[in-house]
Amino acid sequence: MMVLMIEPGKAPKRVELSKEFACMQQAVGGIIQAVYPFEDTVTLICNDEGKPLGLPFNRGLKTADGKLYDVICGTFFLCAAPADSDHLESLLEEQLLHYEELFRYPEMLAKVNGELICIPTYE
């Protein structure tokens, strides 16, 4: 399936990834967790233990008004998870384009006035 792979400190890249569970685990470096932070059928697959293991910060998840509500640590990928299906699928071209732009710039995590914020790092 065609996914968007996002590694810490790097721009997203399109990757053909097997739907086999072991391949998905290998891609994120451990036990997979599916997160559904978007309004469409796109899901974020990450390492379930990314934070406790101290994996490097990757990207922040923000509300529609830009407020940070969670962070993803370690490599993750985006794929489609249609509502009427129990399996993961390839992203459509328009989804790839949208999320390549959304996650285009790597981010740094900083604490400012006691609040965590994400700062894009421009190449």
PDB file of N, CA and C in Angstrom:
ATOM      1  N   MET A   1       0.849  -1.174   0.000  1.00  0.00           N
ATOM      2  CA  MET A   1       0.000   0.000   0.000  1.00  0.00           C
ATOM      3  C   MET A   1       0.896   1.239   0.000  1.00  0.00           C
ATOM      4  N   MET A   2       0.406   2.317  -0.614  1.00  0.00           N
ATOM      5  CA  MET A   2       1.155   3.564  -0.678  1.00  0.00           C
ATOM      6  C   MET A   2       0.837   4.378   0.579  1.00  0.00           C
ATOM      7  N   VAL A   3       1.887   4.676   1.349  1.00  0.00           N
ATOM      8  CA  VAL A   3       1.737   5.425   2.592  1.00  0.00           C
ATOM      9  C   VAL A   3       2.642   6.645   2.556  1.00  0.00           C
ATOM     10  N   LEU A   4       2.433   7.526   3.512  1.00  0.00           N
ATOM     11  CA  LEU A   4       3.312   8.669   3.692  1.00  0.00           C
ATOM     12  C   LEU A   4       4.099   8.421   4.966  1.00  0.00           C
ATOM     13  N   MET A   5       5.409   8.180   4.831  1.00  0.00           N
ATOM     14  CA  MET A   5       6.286   7.874   5.950  1.00  0.00           C
ATOM     15  C   MET A   5       6.878   9.185   6.468  1.00  0.00           C
ATOM     16  N   ILE A   6       6.812   9.367   7.789  1.00  0.00           N
ATOM     17  CA  ILE A   6       7.305  10.608   8.376  1.00  0.00           C
ATOM     18  C   ILE A   6       8.257  10.261   9.519  1.00  0.00           C
ATOM     19  N   GLU A   7       9.535  10.564   9.302  1.00  0.00           N
ATOM     20  CA  GLU A   7      10.580  10.296  10.286  1.00  0.00           C
ATOM     21  C   GLU A   7      10.941  11.585  11.012  1.00  0.00           C
ATOM     22  N   PRO A   8      11.398  11.477  12.259  1.00  0.00           N
ATOM     23  CA  PRO A   8      11.811  12.679  12.989  1.00  0.00           C
ATOM     24  C   PRO A   8      12.889  13.445  12.225  1.00  0.00           C
ATOM     25  N   GLY A   9      12.698  14.755  12.137  1.00  0.00           N
ATOM     26  CA  GLY A   9      13.698  15.611  11.509  1.00  0.00           C
ATOM     27  C   GLY A   9      13.732  15.570   9.997  1.00  0.00           C
ATOM     28  N   LYS A  10      12.768  14.892   9.370  1.00  0.00           N
ATOM     29  CA  LYS A  10      12.781  14.757   7.911  1.00  0.00           C
ATOM     30  C   LYS A  10      11.429  15.130   7.320  1.00  0.00           C
ATOM     31  N   ALA A  11      11.451  15.483   6.047  1.00  0.00           N
ATOM     32  CA  ALA A  11      10.218  15.736   5.307  1.00  0.00           C
ATOM     33  C   ALA A  11       9.529  14.394   5.017  1.00  0.00           C
ATOM     34  N   PRO A  12       8.225  14.401   4.834  1.00  0.00           N
ATOM     35  CA  PRO A  12       7.506  13.155   4.515  1.00  0.00           C
ATOM     36  C   PRO A  12       7.973  12.568   3.186  1.00  0.00           C
ATOM     37  N   LYS A  13       7.862  11.250   3.078  1.00  0.00           N
ATOM     38  CA  LYS A  13       8.179  10.611   1.795  1.00  0.00           C
ATOM     39  C   LYS A  13       7.166   9.513   1.517  1.00  0.00           C
ATOM     40  N   ARG A  14       6.880   9.353   0.247  1.00  0.00           N
ATOM     41  CA  ARG A  14       5.961   8.305  -0.193  1.00  0.00           C
ATOM     42  C   ARG A  14       6.704   6.980  -0.196  1.00  0.00           C
ATOM     43  N   VAL A  15       6.064   5.960   0.377  1.00  0.00           N
ATOM     44  CA  VAL A  15       6.689   4.643   0.486  1.00  0.00           C
ATOM     45  C   VAL A  15       5.644   3.580   0.191  1.00  0.00           C
ATOM     46  N   GLU A  16       6.034   2.575  -0.555  1.00  0.00           N
ATOM     47  CA  GLU A  16       5.183   1.399  -0.760  1.00  0.00           C
ATOM     48  C   GLU A  16       5.475   0.455   0.399  1.00  0.00           C
ATOM     49  N   LEU A  17       4.461   0.165   1.215  1.00  0.00           N
ATOM     50  CA  LEU A  17       4.622  -0.636   2.423  1.00  0.00           C
ATOM     51  C   LEU A  17       3.686  -1.836   2.380  1.00  0.00           C
ATOM     52  N   SER A  18       4.196  -2.984   2.746  1.00  0.00           N
ATOM     53  CA  SER A  18       3.377  -4.186   2.804  1.00  0.00           C
ATOM     54  C   SER A  18       2.303  -4.037   3.877  1.00  0.00           C
ATOM     55  N   LYS A  19       1.163  -4.664   3.674  1.00  0.00           N
ATOM     56  CA  LYS A  19       0.073  -4.636   4.656  1.00  0.00           C
ATOM     57  C   LYS A  19       0.286  -5.653   5.771  1.00  0.00           C
ATOM     58  N   GLU A  20       1.380  -6.409   5.697  1.00  0.00           N
ATOM     59  CA  GLU A  20       1.658  -7.398   6.732  1.00  0.00           C
ATOM     60  C   GLU A  20       1.965  -6.692   8.045  1.00  0.00           C
ATOM     61  N   PHE A  21       1.384  -7.206   9.111  1.00  0.00           N
ATOM     62  CA  PHE A  21       1.527  -6.629  10.443  1.00  0.00           C
ATOM     63  C   PHE A  21       2.997  -6.450  10.818  1.00  0.00           C
ATOM     64  N   ALA A  22       3.818  -7.464  10.561  1.00  0.00           N
ATOM     65  CA  ALA A  22       5.243  -7.405  10.910  1.00  0.00           C
ATOM     66  C   ALA A  22       5.958  -6.277  10.163  1.00  0.00           C
ATOM     67  N   CYS A  23       5.581  -6.023   8.933  1.00  0.00           N
ATOM     68  CA  CYS A  23       6.195  -4.937   8.154  1.00  0.00           C
ATOM     69  C   CYS A  23       5.813  -3.573   8.722  1.00  0.00           C
ATOM     70  N   MET A  24       4.565  -3.447   9.155  1.00  0.00           N
ATOM     71  CA  MET A  24       4.132  -2.185   9.756  1.00  0.00           C
ATOM     72  C   MET A  24       4.848  -1.946  11.087  1.00  0.00           C
ATOM     73  N   GLN A  25       5.025  -3.011  11.868  1.00  0.00           N
ATOM     74  CA  GLN A  25       5.761  -2.894  13.126  1.00  0.00           C
ATOM     75  C   GLN A  25       7.206  -2.487  12.867  1.00  0.00           C
ATOM     76  N   GLN A  26       7.811  -3.085  11.881  1.00  0.00           N
ATOM     77  CA  GLN A  26       9.195  -2.758  11.545  1.00  0.00           C
ATOM     78  C   GLN A  26       9.311  -1.290  11.108  1.00  0.00           C
ATOM     79  N   ALA A  27       8.315  -0.805  10.388  1.00  0.00           N
ATOM     80  CA  ALA A  27       8.351   0.577   9.899  1.00  0.00           C
ATOM     81  C   ALA A  27       8.366   1.592  11.040  1.00  0.00           C
ATOM     82  N   VAL A  28       7.663   1.292  12.148  1.00  0.00           N
ATOM     83  CA  VAL A  28       7.613   2.229  13.280  1.00  0.00           C
ATOM     84  C   VAL A  28       8.508   1.807  14.438  1.00  0.00           C
ATOM     85  N   GLY A  29       9.165   0.667  14.305  1.00  0.00           N
ATOM     86  CA  GLY A  29      10.123   0.223  15.312  1.00  0.00           C
ATOM     87  C   GLY A  29       9.515  -0.368  16.568  1.00  0.00           C
ATOM     88  N   GLY A  30       8.355  -0.988  16.447  1.00  0.00           N
ATOM     89  CA  GLY A  30       7.756  -1.622  17.627  1.00  0.00           C
ATOM     90  C   GLY A  30       6.274  -1.851  17.480  1.00  0.00           C
ATOM     91  N   ILE A  31       5.608  -1.967  18.622  1.00  0.00           N
ATOM     92  CA  ILE A  31       4.168  -2.228  18.663  1.00  0.00           C
ATOM     93  C   ILE A  31       3.429  -1.070  18.004  1.00  0.00           C
ATOM     94  N   ILE A  32       2.539  -1.384  17.060  1.00  0.00           N
ATOM     95  CA  ILE A  32       1.844  -0.307  16.362  1.00  0.00           C
ATOM     96  C   ILE A  32       0.598   0.145  17.111  1.00  0.00           C
ATOM     97  N   GLN A  33       0.326   1.420  16.951  1.00  0.00           N
ATOM     98  CA  GLN A  33      -0.888   2.036  17.491  1.00  0.00           C
ATOM     99  C   GLN A  33      -1.517   2.837  16.367  1.00  0.00           C
ATOM    100  N   ALA A  34      -2.815   2.696  16.176  1.00  0.00           N
ATOM    101  CA  ALA A  34      -3.548   3.492  15.192  1.00  0.00           C
ATOM    102  C   ALA A  34      -4.181   4.682  15.902  1.00  0.00           C
ATOM    103  N   VAL A  35      -3.932   5.867  15.365  1.00  0.00           N
ATOM    104  CA  VAL A  35      -4.479   7.101  15.908  1.00  0.00           C
ATOM    105  C   VAL A  35      -5.307   7.741  14.797  1.00  0.00           C
ATOM    106  N   TYR A  36      -6.450   8.303  15.162  1.00  0.00           N
ATOM    107  CA  TYR A  36      -7.355   8.893  14.173  1.00  0.00           C
ATOM    108  C   TYR A  36      -7.544  10.392  14.458  1.00  0.00           C
ATOM    109  N   PRO A  37      -6.510  11.201  14.205  1.00  0.00           N
ATOM    110  CA  PRO A  37      -6.593  12.624  14.551  1.00  0.00           C
ATOM    111  C   PRO A  37      -7.215  13.517  13.472  1.00  0.00           C
ATOM    112  N   PHE A  38      -7.595  12.935  12.345  1.00  0.00           N
ATOM    113  CA  PHE A  38      -8.066  13.727  11.214  1.00  0.00           C
ATOM    114  C   PHE A  38      -9.557  13.479  10.969  1.00  0.00           C
ATOM    115  N   GLU A  39     -10.195  14.409  10.292  1.00  0.00           N
ATOM    116  CA  GLU A  39     -11.622  14.282  10.015  1.00  0.00           C
ATOM    117  C   GLU A  39     -11.921  13.347   8.853  1.00  0.00           C
ATOM    118  N   ASP A  40     -10.929  13.060   8.036  1.00  0.00           N
ATOM    119  CA  ASP A  40     -11.158  12.152   6.901  1.00  0.00           C
ATOM    120  C   ASP A  40     -10.790  10.717   7.291  1.00  0.00           C
ATOM    121  N   THR A  41     -10.648   9.854   6.317  1.00  0.00           N
ATOM    122  CA  THR A  41     -10.393   8.431   6.577  1.00  0.00           C
ATOM    123  C   THR A  41      -8.922   8.091   6.722  1.00  0.00           C
ATOM    124  N   VAL A  42      -8.086   9.095   6.949  1.00  0.00           N
ATOM    125  CA  VAL A  42      -6.649   8.866   7.098  1.00  0.00           C
ATOM    126  C   VAL A  42      -6.334   8.556   8.555  1.00  0.00           C
ATOM    127  N   THR A  43      -5.509   7.518   8.758  1.00  0.00           N
ATOM    128  CA  THR A  43      -5.076   7.160  10.105  1.00  0.00           C
ATOM    129  C   THR A  43      -3.566   7.303  10.217  1.00  0.00           C
ATOM    130  N   LEU A  44      -3.123   7.565  11.426  1.00  0.00           N
ATOM    131  CA  LEU A  44      -1.712   7.713  11.731  1.00  0.00           C
ATOM    132  C   LEU A  44      -1.287   6.452  12.486  1.00  0.00           C
ATOM    133  N   ILE A  45      -0.291   5.761  11.974  1.00  0.00           N
ATOM    134  CA  ILE A  45       0.223   4.541  12.607  1.00  0.00           C
ATOM    135  C   ILE A  45       1.593   4.861  13.197  1.00  0.00           C
ATOM    136  N   CYS A  46       1.698   4.697  14.523  1.00  0.00           N
ATOM    137  CA  CYS A  46       2.949   5.024  15.208  1.00  0.00           C
ATOM    138  C   CYS A  46       3.326   3.906  16.179  1.00  0.00           C
ATOM    139  N   ASN A  47       4.473   4.076  16.812  1.00  0.00           N
ATOM    140  CA  ASN A  47       4.931   3.140  17.835  1.00  0.00           C
ATOM    141  C   ASN A  47       4.155   3.447  19.120  1.00  0.00           C
ATOM    142  N   ASP A  48       3.427   2.472  19.623  1.00  0.00           N
ATOM    143  CA  ASP A  48       2.602   2.639  20.819  1.00  0.00           C
ATOM    144  C   ASP A  48       3.418   3.052  22.037  1.00  0.00           C
ATOM    145  N   GLU A  49       4.697   2.705  22.042  1.00  0.00           N
ATOM    146  CA  GLU A  49       5.557   3.001  23.192  1.00  0.00           C
ATOM    147  C   GLU A  49       6.578   4.095  22.881  1.00  0.00           C
ATOM    148  N   GLY A  50       6.303   4.904  21.854  1.00  0.00           N
ATOM    149  CA  GLY A  50       7.249   5.928  21.423  1.00  0.00           C
ATOM    150  C   GLY A  50       7.663   6.887  22.519  1.00  0.00           C
ATOM    151  N   LYS A  51       6.705   7.382  23.281  1.00  0.00           N
ATOM    152  CA  LYS A  51       7.026   8.329  24.363  1.00  0.00           C
ATOM    153  C   LYS A  51       7.744   7.630  25.514  1.00  0.00           C
ATOM    154  N   PRO A  52       7.199   6.521  26.065  1.00  0.00           N
ATOM    155  CA  PRO A  52       7.892   5.868  27.197  1.00  0.00           C
ATOM    156  C   PRO A  52       9.300   5.386  26.858  1.00  0.00           C
ATOM    157  N   LEU A  53       9.514   4.999  25.586  1.00  0.00           N
ATOM    158  CA  LEU A  53      10.841   4.538  25.173  1.00  0.00           C
ATOM    159  C   LEU A  53      11.804   5.701  24.931  1.00  0.00           C
ATOM    160  N   GLY A  54      11.281   6.916  24.932  1.00  0.00           N
ATOM    161  CA  GLY A  54      12.132   8.077  24.689  1.00  0.00           C
ATOM    162  C   GLY A  54      12.541   8.233  23.237  1.00  0.00           C
ATOM    163  N   LEU A  55      11.701   7.759  22.309  1.00  0.00           N
ATOM    164  CA  LEU A  55      12.016   7.951  20.893  1.00  0.00           C
ATOM    165  C   LEU A  55      12.015   9.444  20.591  1.00  0.00           C
ATOM    166  N   PRO A  56      12.770   9.857  19.587  1.00  0.00           N
ATOM    167  CA  PRO A  56      12.865  11.291  19.299  1.00  0.00           C
ATOM    168  C   PRO A  56      11.522  11.899  18.911  1.00  0.00           C
ATOM    169  N   PHE A  57      11.306  13.138  19.356  1.00  0.00           N
ATOM    170  CA  PHE A  57      10.105  13.875  18.987  1.00  0.00           C
ATOM    171  C   PHE A  57      10.028  13.967  17.472  1.00  0.00           C
ATOM    172  N   ASN A  58       8.824  13.819  16.936  1.00  0.00           N
ATOM    173  CA  ASN A  58       8.636  13.894  15.499  1.00  0.00           C
ATOM    174  C   ASN A  58       7.753  15.084  15.121  1.00  0.00           C
ATOM    175  N   ARG A  59       6.471  15.012  15.416  1.00  0.00           N
ATOM    176  CA  ARG A  59       5.540  16.083  15.054  1.00  0.00           C
ATOM    177  C   ARG A  59       4.494  16.250  16.145  1.00  0.00           C
ATOM    178  N   GLY A  60       3.910  17.444  16.175  1.00  0.00           N
ATOM    179  CA  GLY A  60       2.820  17.714  17.092  1.00  0.00           C
ATOM    180  C   GLY A  60       1.483  17.538  16.395  1.00  0.00           C
ATOM    181  N   LEU A  61       0.485  17.152  17.166  1.00  0.00           N
ATOM    182  CA  LEU A  61      -0.883  17.089  16.659  1.00  0.00           C
ATOM    183  C   LEU A  61      -1.615  18.293  17.242  1.00  0.00           C
ATOM    184  N   LYS A  62      -2.309  19.008  16.365  1.00  0.00           N
ATOM    185  CA  LYS A  62      -2.937  20.262  16.782  1.00  0.00           C
ATOM    186  C   LYS A  62      -4.429  20.264  16.454  1.00  0.00           C
ATOM    187  N   THR A  63      -5.172  21.039  17.237  1.00  0.00           N
ATOM    188  CA  THR A  63      -6.590  21.236  16.970  1.00  0.00           C
ATOM    189  C   THR A  63      -6.736  22.129  15.744  1.00  0.00           C
ATOM    190  N   ALA A  64      -7.971  22.296  15.277  1.00  0.00           N
ATOM    191  CA  ALA A  64      -8.227  23.135  14.104  1.00  0.00           C
ATOM    192  C   ALA A  64      -7.751  24.571  14.307  1.00  0.00           C
ATOM    193  N   ASP A  65      -7.741  25.043  15.561  1.00  0.00           N
ATOM    194  CA  ASP A  65      -7.278  26.405  15.828  1.00  0.00           C
ATOM    195  C   ASP A  65      -5.781  26.472  16.147  1.00  0.00           C
ATOM    196  N   GLY A  66      -5.063  25.358  15.936  1.00  0.00           N
ATOM    197  CA  GLY A  66      -3.611  25.346  16.071  1.00  0.00           C
ATOM    198  C   GLY A  66      -3.068  25.039  17.448  1.00  0.00           C
ATOM    199  N   LYS A  67      -3.922  24.671  18.402  1.00  0.00           N
ATOM    200  CA  LYS A  67      -3.463  24.366  19.760  1.00  0.00           C
ATOM    201  C   LYS A  67      -2.925  22.933  19.824  1.00  0.00           C
ATOM    202  N   LEU A  68      -1.718  22.788  20.340  1.00  0.00           N
ATOM    203  CA  LEU A  68      -1.074  21.480  20.476  1.00  0.00           C
ATOM    204  C   LEU A  68      -1.816  20.646  21.521  1.00  0.00           C
ATOM    205  N   TYR A  69      -2.204  19.416  21.147  1.00  0.00           N
ATOM    206  CA  TYR A  69      -2.874  18.548  22.116  1.00  0.00           C
ATOM    207  C   TYR A  69      -2.154  17.220  22.331  1.00  0.00           C
ATOM    208  N   ASP A  70      -1.207  16.879  21.468  1.00  0.00           N
ATOM    209  CA  ASP A  70      -0.439  15.648  21.648  1.00  0.00           C
ATOM    210  C   ASP A  70       0.805  15.729  20.780  1.00  0.00           C
ATOM    211  N   VAL A  71       1.781  14.872  21.068  1.00  0.00           N
ATOM    212  CA  VAL A  71       2.988  14.788  20.257  1.00  0.00           C
ATOM    213  C   VAL A  71       3.221  13.333  19.861  1.00  0.00           C
ATOM    214  N   ILE A  72       3.807  13.160  18.703  1.00  0.00           N
ATOM    215  CA  ILE A  72       4.171  11.831  18.216  1.00  0.00           C
ATOM    216  C   ILE A  72       5.685  11.714  18.300  1.00  0.00           C
ATOM    217  N   CYS A  73       6.151  10.653  18.929  1.00  0.00           N
ATOM    218  CA  CYS A  73       7.584  10.392  19.043  1.00  0.00           C
ATOM    219  C   CYS A  73       7.924   9.163  18.220  1.00  0.00           C
ATOM    220  N   GLY A  74       9.003   9.249  17.476  1.00  0.00           N
ATOM    221  CA  GLY A  74       9.411   8.147  16.610  1.00  0.00           C
ATOM    222  C   GLY A  74       8.779   8.269  15.233  1.00  0.00           C
ATOM    223  N   THR A  75       9.193   7.371  14.361  1.00  0.00           N
ATOM    224  CA  THR A  75       8.682   7.344  12.993  1.00  0.00           C
ATOM    225  C   THR A  75       7.218   6.927  12.990  1.00  0.00           C
ATOM    226  N   PHE A  76       6.443   7.555  12.095  1.00  0.00           N
ATOM    227  CA  PHE A  76       5.057   7.148  11.897  1.00  0.00           C
ATOM    228  C   PHE A  76       4.726   7.199  10.422  1.00  0.00           C
ATOM    229  N   PHE A  77       3.608   6.569  10.057  1.00  0.00           N
ATOM    230  CA  PHE A  77       3.143   6.674   8.682  1.00  0.00           C
ATOM    231  C   PHE A  77       1.648   6.908   8.656  1.00  0.00           C
ATOM    232  N   LEU A  78       1.206   7.480   7.537  1.00  0.00           N
ATOM    233  CA  LEU A  78      -0.208   7.741   7.313  1.00  0.00           C
ATOM    234  C   LEU A  78      -0.708   6.818   6.221  1.00  0.00           C
ATOM    235  N   CYS A  79      -1.895   6.275   6.419  1.00  0.00           N
ATOM    236  CA  CYS A  79      -2.529   5.430   5.420  1.00  0.00           C
ATOM    237  C   CYS A  79      -4.030   5.644   5.507  1.00  0.00           C
ATOM    238  N   ALA A  80      -4.764   5.032   4.609  1.00  0.00           N
ATOM    239  CA  ALA A  80      -6.218   5.157   4.612  1.00  0.00           C
ATOM    240  C   ALA A  80      -6.817   4.039   5.452  1.00  0.00           C
ATOM    241  N   ALA A  81      -7.867   4.385   6.168  1.00  0.00           N
ATOM    242  CA  ALA A  81      -8.617   3.418   6.970  1.00  0.00           C
ATOM    243  C   ALA A  81     -10.096   3.680   6.728  1.00  0.00           C
ATOM    244  N   PRO A  82     -10.607   3.192   5.602  1.00  0.00           N
ATOM    245  CA  PRO A  82     -12.006   3.456   5.262  1.00  0.00           C
ATOM    246  C   PRO A  82     -12.959   3.000   6.364  1.00  0.00           C
ATOM    247  N   ALA A  83     -13.991   3.790   6.604  1.00  0.00           N
ATOM    248  CA  ALA A  83     -14.959   3.506   7.665  1.00  0.00           C
ATOM    249  C   ALA A  83     -15.685   2.175   7.455  1.00  0.00           C
ATOM    250  N   ASP A  84     -15.874   1.774   6.223  1.00  0.00           N
ATOM    251  CA  ASP A  84     -16.614   0.548   5.938  1.00  0.00           C
ATOM    252  C   ASP A  84     -15.708  -0.675   5.790  1.00  0.00           C
ATOM    253  N   SER A  85     -14.476  -0.568   6.271  1.00  0.00           N
ATOM    254  CA  SER A  85     -13.506  -1.645   6.103  1.00  0.00           C
ATOM    255  C   SER A  85     -12.771  -1.903   7.409  1.00  0.00           C
ATOM    256  N   ASP A  86     -12.242  -3.111   7.554  1.00  0.00           N
ATOM    257  CA  ASP A  86     -11.480  -3.434   8.756  1.00  0.00           C
ATOM    258  C   ASP A  86      -9.986  -3.568   8.460  1.00  0.00           C
ATOM    259  N   HIS A  87      -9.546  -3.023   7.338  1.00  0.00           N
ATOM    260  CA  HIS A  87      -8.122  -3.083   7.007  1.00  0.00           C
ATOM    261  C   HIS A  87      -7.635  -1.741   6.471  1.00  0.00           C
ATOM    262  N   LEU A  88      -6.333  -1.589   6.429  1.00  0.00           N
ATOM    263  CA  LEU A  88      -5.697  -0.356   5.983  1.00  0.00           C
ATOM    264  C   LEU A  88      -5.461  -0.401   4.484  1.00  0.00           C
ATOM    265  N   GLU A  89      -5.472   0.773   3.853  1.00  0.00           N
ATOM    266  CA  GLU A  89      -5.317   0.857   2.404  1.00  0.00           C
ATOM    267  C   GLU A  89      -4.378   1.998   2.026  1.00  0.00           C
ATOM    268  N   SER A  90      -4.078   2.070   0.739  1.00  0.00           N
ATOM    269  CA  SER A  90      -3.237   3.145   0.193  1.00  0.00           C
ATOM    270  C   SER A  90      -3.929   4.489   0.308  1.00  0.00           C
ATOM    271  N   LEU A  91      -3.124   5.515   0.476  1.00  0.00           N
ATOM    272  CA  LEU A  91      -3.649   6.874   0.418  1.00  0.00           C
ATOM    273  C   LEU A  91      -3.948   7.233  -1.034  1.00  0.00           C
ATOM    274  N   LEU A  92      -4.969   8.043  -1.241  1.00  0.00           N
ATOM    275  CA  LEU A  92      -5.279   8.560  -2.566  1.00  0.00           C
ATOM    276  C   LEU A  92      -4.306   9.698  -2.875  1.00  0.00           C
ATOM    277  N   GLU A  93      -4.141  10.030  -4.140  1.00  0.00           N
ATOM    278  CA  GLU A  93      -3.205  11.082  -4.539  1.00  0.00           C
ATOM    279  C   GLU A  93      -3.512  12.398  -3.827  1.00  0.00           C
ATOM    280  N   GLU A  94      -4.779  12.773  -3.746  1.00  0.00           N
ATOM    281  CA  GLU A  94      -5.116  14.042  -3.091  1.00  0.00           C
ATOM    282  C   GLU A  94      -4.803  14.013  -1.592  1.00  0.00           C
ATOM    283  N   GLN A  95      -4.921  12.838  -0.977  1.00  0.00           N
ATOM    284  CA  GLN A  95      -4.533  12.703   0.432  1.00  0.00           C
ATOM    285  C   GLN A  95      -3.027  12.827   0.585  1.00  0.00           C
ATOM    286  N   LEU A  96      -2.289  12.181  -0.290  1.00  0.00           N
ATOM    287  CA  LEU A  96      -0.826  12.285  -0.262  1.00  0.00           C
ATOM    288  C   LEU A  96      -0.392  13.748  -0.365  1.00  0.00           C
ATOM    289  N   LEU A  97      -0.969  14.463  -1.304  1.00  0.00           N
ATOM    290  CA  LEU A  97      -0.599  15.871  -1.497  1.00  0.00           C
ATOM    291  C   LEU A  97      -0.947  16.711  -0.268  1.00  0.00           C
ATOM    292  N   HIS A  98      -2.131  16.508   0.284  1.00  0.00           N
ATOM    293  CA  HIS A  98      -2.573  17.281   1.450  1.00  0.00           C
ATOM    294  C   HIS A  98      -1.657  17.046   2.653  1.00  0.00           C
ATOM    295  N   TYR A  99      -1.368  15.782   2.959  1.00  0.00           N
ATOM    296  CA  TYR A  99      -0.575  15.478   4.152  1.00  0.00           C
ATOM    297  C   TYR A  99       0.922  15.707   3.947  1.00  0.00           C
ATOM    298  N   GLU A 100       1.386  15.643   2.696  1.00  0.00           N
ATOM    299  CA  GLU A 100       2.773  16.057   2.437  1.00  0.00           C
ATOM    300  C   GLU A 100       2.939  17.526   2.800  1.00  0.00           C
ATOM    301  N   GLU A 101       1.950  18.340   2.475  1.00  0.00           N
ATOM    302  CA  GLU A 101       2.015  19.759   2.805  1.00  0.00           C
ATOM    303  C   GLU A 101       1.834  19.985   4.303  1.00  0.00           C
ATOM    304  N   LEU A 102       0.896  19.288   4.934  1.00  0.00           N
ATOM    305  CA  LEU A 102       0.636  19.453   6.362  1.00  0.00           C
ATOM    306  C   LEU A 102       1.868  19.125   7.213  1.00  0.00           C
ATOM    307  N   PHE A 103       2.584  18.062   6.833  1.00  0.00           N
ATOM    308  CA  PHE A 103       3.751  17.610   7.604  1.00  0.00           C
ATOM    309  C   PHE A 103       5.068  17.950   6.899  1.00  0.00           C
ATOM    310  N   ARG A 104       5.022  18.901   5.985  1.00  0.00           N
ATOM    311  CA  ARG A 104       6.165  19.236   5.128  1.00  0.00           C
ATOM    312  C   ARG A 104       7.450  19.532   5.902  1.00  0.00           C
ATOM    313  N   TYR A 105       7.331  20.303   6.981  1.00  0.00           N
ATOM    314  CA  TYR A 105       8.524  20.716   7.709  1.00  0.00           C
ATOM    315  C   TYR A 105       8.674  19.951   9.019  1.00  0.00           C
ATOM    316  N   PRO A 106       9.855  19.435   9.273  1.00  0.00           N
ATOM    317  CA  PRO A 106      10.130  18.829  10.580  1.00  0.00           C
ATOM    318  C   PRO A 106       9.887  19.877  11.666  1.00  0.00           C
ATOM    319  N   GLU A 107       9.643  19.409  12.880  1.00  0.00           N
ATOM    320  CA  GLU A 107       9.367  20.323  13.985  1.00  0.00           C
ATOM    321  C   GLU A 107      10.295  20.056  15.161  1.00  0.00           C
ATOM    322  N   MET A 108      10.497  21.104  15.954  1.00  0.00           N
ATOM    323  CA  MET A 108      11.197  20.993  17.233  1.00  0.00           C
ATOM    324  C   MET A 108      10.152  21.237  18.312  1.00  0.00           C
ATOM    325  N   LEU A 109      10.324  20.579  19.438  1.00  0.00           N
ATOM    326  CA  LEU A 109       9.427  20.771  20.575  1.00  0.00           C
ATOM    327  C   LEU A 109      10.120  21.688  21.571  1.00  0.00           C
ATOM    328  N   ALA A 110       9.408  22.714  22.034  1.00  0.00           N
ATOM    329  CA  ALA A 110       9.980  23.653  22.993  1.00  0.00           C
ATOM    330  C   ALA A 110       8.956  23.961  24.073  1.00  0.00           C
ATOM    331  N   LYS A 111       9.468  24.352  25.218  1.00  0.00           N
ATOM    332  CA  LYS A 111       8.598  24.768  26.318  1.00  0.00           C
ATOM    333  C   LYS A 111       8.761  26.275  26.479  1.00  0.00           C
ATOM    334  N   VAL A 112       7.662  27.013  26.297  1.00  0.00           N
ATOM    335  CA  VAL A 112       7.675  28.462  26.390  1.00  0.00           C
ATOM    336  C   VAL A 112       6.621  28.886  27.401  1.00  0.00           C
ATOM    337  N   ASN A 113       7.048  29.589  28.438  1.00  0.00           N
ATOM    338  CA  ASN A 113       6.137  30.022  29.503  1.00  0.00           C
ATOM    339  C   ASN A 113       5.332  28.857  30.066  1.00  0.00           C
ATOM    340  N   GLY A 114       5.984  27.713  30.223  1.00  0.00           N
ATOM    341  CA  GLY A 114       5.346  26.542  30.800  1.00  0.00           C
ATOM    342  C   GLY A 114       4.448  25.768  29.864  1.00  0.00           C
ATOM    343  N   GLU A 115       4.386  26.179  28.610  1.00  0.00           N
ATOM    344  CA  GLU A 115       3.527  25.515  27.635  1.00  0.00           C
ATOM    345  C   GLU A 115       4.371  24.905  26.522  1.00  0.00           C
ATOM    346  N   LEU A 116       4.036  23.663  26.123  1.00  0.00           N
ATOM    347  CA  LEU A 116       4.742  23.022  25.020  1.00  0.00           C
ATOM    348  C   LEU A 116       4.246  23.598  23.701  1.00  0.00           C
ATOM    349  N   ILE A 117       5.194  23.896  22.798  1.00  0.00           N
ATOM    350  CA  ILE A 117       4.854  24.354  21.473  1.00  0.00           C
ATOM    351  C   ILE A 117       5.732  23.626  20.449  1.00  0.00           C
ATOM    352  N   CYS A 118       5.264  23.556  19.228  1.00  0.00           N
ATOM    353  CA  CYS A 118       6.031  22.963  18.125  1.00  0.00           C
ATOM    354  C   CYS A 118       6.487  24.091  17.205  1.00  0.00           C
ATOM    355  N   ILE A 119       7.752  24.033  16.867  1.00  0.00           N
ATOM    356  CA  ILE A 119       8.339  25.059  16.002  1.00  0.00           C
ATOM    357  C   ILE A 119       8.813  24.381  14.725  1.00  0.00           C
ATOM    358  N   PRO A 120       8.262  24.785  13.567  1.00  0.00           N
ATOM    359  CA  PRO A 120       8.727  24.198  12.299  1.00  0.00           C
ATOM    360  C   PRO A 120      10.184  24.564  12.043  1.00  0.00           C
ATOM    361  N   THR A 121      10.924  23.602  11.493  1.00  0.00           N
ATOM    362  CA  THR A 121      12.304  23.866  11.099  1.00  0.00           C
ATOM    363  C   THR A 121      12.335  23.864   9.579  1.00  0.00           C
ATOM    364  N   TYR A 122      12.657  24.981   9.016  1.00  0.00           N
ATOM    365  CA  TYR A 122      12.636  25.119   7.559  1.00  0.00           C
ATOM    366  C   TYR A 122      13.986  24.736   6.992  1.00  0.00           C
ATOM    367  N   GLU A 123      13.934  23.956   5.924  1.00  0.00           N
ATOM    368  CA  GLU A 123      15.158  23.468   5.293  1.00  0.00           C
ATOM    369  C   GLU A 123      15.862  24.550   4.511  1.00  0.00           C
TER     370      GLU A 123
END
